[in-house]
Amino acid sequence: MSQIEGLEGKVREIRRKTRRKYSSEEKIRIVLEVLRGEESIAELCRREGIAPNLYYSWSKEFLEAGKRRLMGDTKRQATSGEVRSLRLEN
């Protein structure tokens, strides 16, 4: 392995370890900012330090989740209170 290949491997490793993780709330905030029309996608991506393709991925996930929710195609966990209430009915 050449010295350059070794350095490239180190750079990739550092990038992986320092890659920023975005919470669901942050992703939603970023997607909503563009949907409100306050800023272009390019401007928002530069400001947030994300690639446009990452924004488009989040946007697609956001819109698909909304579509599923509006269609009633959701599964959610029943709360313990709901379970208790249903058991008392039977």
C-alpha atoms as a PDB file:
ATOM      1  CA  MET A   1       0.000   0.000   0.000  1.00  0.00           C
ATOM      2  CA  SER A   2       1.376   3.362  -0.961  1.00  0.00           C
ATOM      3  CA  GLN A   3       1.586   6.268   1.423  1.00  0.00           C
ATOM      4  CA  ILE A   4      -1.166   8.107  -0.492  1.00  0.00           C
ATOM      5  CA  GLU A   5      -3.558   5.153  -0.223  1.00  0.00           C
ATOM      6  CA  GLY A   6      -2.864   4.973   3.499  1.00  0.00           C
ATOM      7  CA  LEU A   7      -3.630   8.670   3.915  1.00  0.00           C
ATOM      8  CA  GLU A   8      -6.822   8.388   1.873  1.00  0.00           C
ATOM      9  CA  GLY A   9      -7.964   5.568   4.129  1.00  0.00           C
ATOM     10  CA  LYS A  10      -7.289   7.689   7.208  1.00  0.00           C
ATOM     11  CA  VAL A  11      -9.246  10.609   5.721  1.00  0.00           C
ATOM     12  CA  ARG A  12     -12.235   8.328   5.016  1.00  0.00           C
ATOM     13  CA  GLU A  13     -12.093   6.972   8.565  1.00  0.00           C
ATOM     14  CA  ILE A  14     -12.023  10.474  10.076  1.00  0.00           C
ATOM     15  CA  ARG A  15     -14.956  11.568   7.901  1.00  0.00           C
ATOM     16  CA  ARG A  16     -16.981   8.555   9.027  1.00  0.00           C
ATOM     17  CA  LYS A  17     -16.297   9.254  12.683  1.00  0.00           C
ATOM     18  CA  THR A  18     -17.058  12.973  12.438  1.00  0.00           C
ATOM     19  CA  ARG A  19     -20.124  12.701  10.219  1.00  0.00           C
ATOM     20  CA  ARG A  20     -22.960  14.683  11.727  1.00  0.00           C
ATOM     21  CA  LYS A  21     -26.104  12.837  12.701  1.00  0.00           C
ATOM     22  CA  TYR A  22     -29.355  14.779  12.302  1.00  0.00           C
ATOM     23  CA  SER A  23     -32.324  14.147  14.571  1.00  0.00           C
ATOM     24  CA  SER A  24     -35.805  13.684  13.141  1.00  0.00           C
ATOM     25  CA  GLU A  25     -36.728  17.133  14.432  1.00  0.00           C
ATOM     26  CA  GLU A  26     -33.789  18.730  12.605  1.00  0.00           C
ATOM     27  CA  LYS A  27     -34.677  16.969   9.356  1.00  0.00           C
ATOM     28  CA  ILE A  28     -38.300  18.101   9.611  1.00  0.00           C
ATOM     29  CA  ARG A  29     -37.255  21.680  10.387  1.00  0.00           C
ATOM     30  CA  ILE A  30     -34.969  21.774   7.356  1.00  0.00           C
ATOM     31  CA  VAL A  31     -37.583  20.307   4.991  1.00  0.00           C
ATOM     32  CA  LEU A  32     -40.286  22.677   6.262  1.00  0.00           C
ATOM     33  CA  GLU A  33     -38.064  25.727   5.740  1.00  0.00           C
ATOM     34  CA  VAL A  34     -37.929  25.034   2.011  1.00  0.00           C
ATOM     35  CA  LEU A  35     -41.631  24.162   1.819  1.00  0.00           C
ATOM     36  CA  ARG A  36     -42.444  27.536   3.370  1.00  0.00           C
ATOM     37  CA  GLY A  37     -40.581  29.167   0.476  1.00  0.00           C
ATOM     38  CA  GLU A  38     -38.354  31.275   2.712  1.00  0.00           C
ATOM     39  CA  GLU A  39     -35.143  30.057   1.124  1.00  0.00           C
ATOM     40  CA  SER A  40     -34.018  28.098  -1.920  1.00  0.00           C
ATOM     41  CA  ILE A  41     -32.828  24.528  -1.549  1.00  0.00           C
ATOM     42  CA  ALA A  42     -29.302  25.544  -2.575  1.00  0.00           C
ATOM     43  CA  GLU A  43     -29.162  28.350   0.007  1.00  0.00           C
ATOM     44  CA  LEU A  44     -30.532  26.138   2.764  1.00  0.00           C
ATOM     45  CA  CYS A  45     -28.113  23.307   1.975  1.00  0.00           C
ATOM     46  CA  ARG A  46     -25.141  25.677   2.041  1.00  0.00           C
ATOM     47  CA  ARG A  47     -26.256  27.168   5.355  1.00  0.00           C
ATOM     48  CA  GLU A  48     -26.920  23.773   6.959  1.00  0.00           C
ATOM     49  CA  GLY A  49     -23.819  22.156   5.456  1.00  0.00           C
ATOM     50  CA  ILE A  50     -25.692  19.326   3.743  1.00  0.00           C
ATOM     51  CA  ALA A  51     -25.640  18.034   0.187  1.00  0.00           C
ATOM     52  CA  PRO A  52     -28.735  18.767  -1.916  1.00  0.00           C
ATOM     53  CA  ASN A  53     -29.264  15.039  -2.552  1.00  0.00           C
ATOM     54  CA  LEU A  54     -29.514  14.514   1.226  1.00  0.00           C
ATOM     55  CA  TYR A  55     -32.163  17.245   1.420  1.00  0.00           C
ATOM     56  CA  TYR A  56     -34.126  15.617  -1.417  1.00  0.00           C
ATOM     57  CA  SER A  57     -33.949  12.259   0.353  1.00  0.00           C
ATOM     58  CA  TRP A  58     -35.326  13.770   3.583  1.00  0.00           C
ATOM     59  CA  SER A  59     -38.000  15.655   1.653  1.00  0.00           C
ATOM     60  CA  LYS A  60     -39.144  12.486  -0.105  1.00  0.00           C
ATOM     61  CA  GLU A  61     -39.316  10.589   3.212  1.00  0.00           C
ATOM     62  CA  PHE A  62     -41.257  13.465   4.791  1.00  0.00           C
ATOM     63  CA  LEU A  63     -43.806  13.659   1.980  1.00  0.00           C
ATOM     64  CA  GLU A  64     -44.241   9.869   1.805  1.00  0.00           C
ATOM     65  CA  ALA A  65     -44.841   9.693   5.567  1.00  0.00           C
ATOM     66  CA  GLY A  66     -47.447  12.437   5.276  1.00  0.00           C
ATOM     67  CA  LYS A  67     -49.112  10.638   2.392  1.00  0.00           C
ATOM     68  CA  ARG A  68     -49.285   7.366   4.357  1.00  0.00           C
ATOM     69  CA  ARG A  69     -50.696   9.197   7.363  1.00  0.00           C
ATOM     70  CA  LEU A  70     -53.413  10.921   5.353  1.00  0.00           C
ATOM     71  CA  MET A  71     -54.369   7.626   3.737  1.00  0.00           C
ATOM     72  CA  GLY A  72     -54.779   6.073   7.180  1.00  0.00           C
ATOM     73  CA  ASP A  73     -52.071   3.526   6.518  1.00  0.00           C
ATOM     74  CA  THR A  74     -50.379   3.883   9.867  1.00  0.00           C
ATOM     75  CA  LYS A  75     -49.650   1.451  12.612  1.00  0.00           C
ATOM     76  CA  ARG A  76     -48.950   2.819  16.020  1.00  0.00           C
ATOM     77  CA  GLN A  77     -48.371   1.209  19.339  1.00  0.00           C
ATOM     78  CA  ALA A  78     -51.340   1.349  21.682  1.00  0.00           C
ATOM     79  CA  THR A  79     -50.626   3.147  24.913  1.00  0.00           C
ATOM     80  CA  SER A  80     -50.923   1.202  28.143  1.00  0.00           C
ATOM     81  CA  GLY A  81     -53.995   3.296  28.988  1.00  0.00           C
ATOM     82  CA  GLU A  82     -55.702   2.257  25.772  1.00  0.00           C
ATOM     83  CA  VAL A  83     -54.889  -1.394  26.391  1.00  0.00           C
ATOM     84  CA  ARG A  84     -56.229  -1.182  29.945  1.00  0.00           C
ATOM     85  CA  SER A  85     -59.414   0.518  28.723  1.00  0.00           C
ATOM     86  CA  LEU A  86     -60.015  -2.133  26.062  1.00  0.00           C
ATOM     87  CA  ARG A  87     -59.462  -4.943  28.556  1.00  0.00           C
ATOM     88  CA  LEU A  88     -62.005  -3.424  30.927  1.00  0.00           C
ATOM     89  CA  GLU A  89     -64.585  -3.289  28.119  1.00  0.00           C
ATOM     90  CA  ASN A  90     -64.300  -7.037  27.506  1.00  0.00           C
END
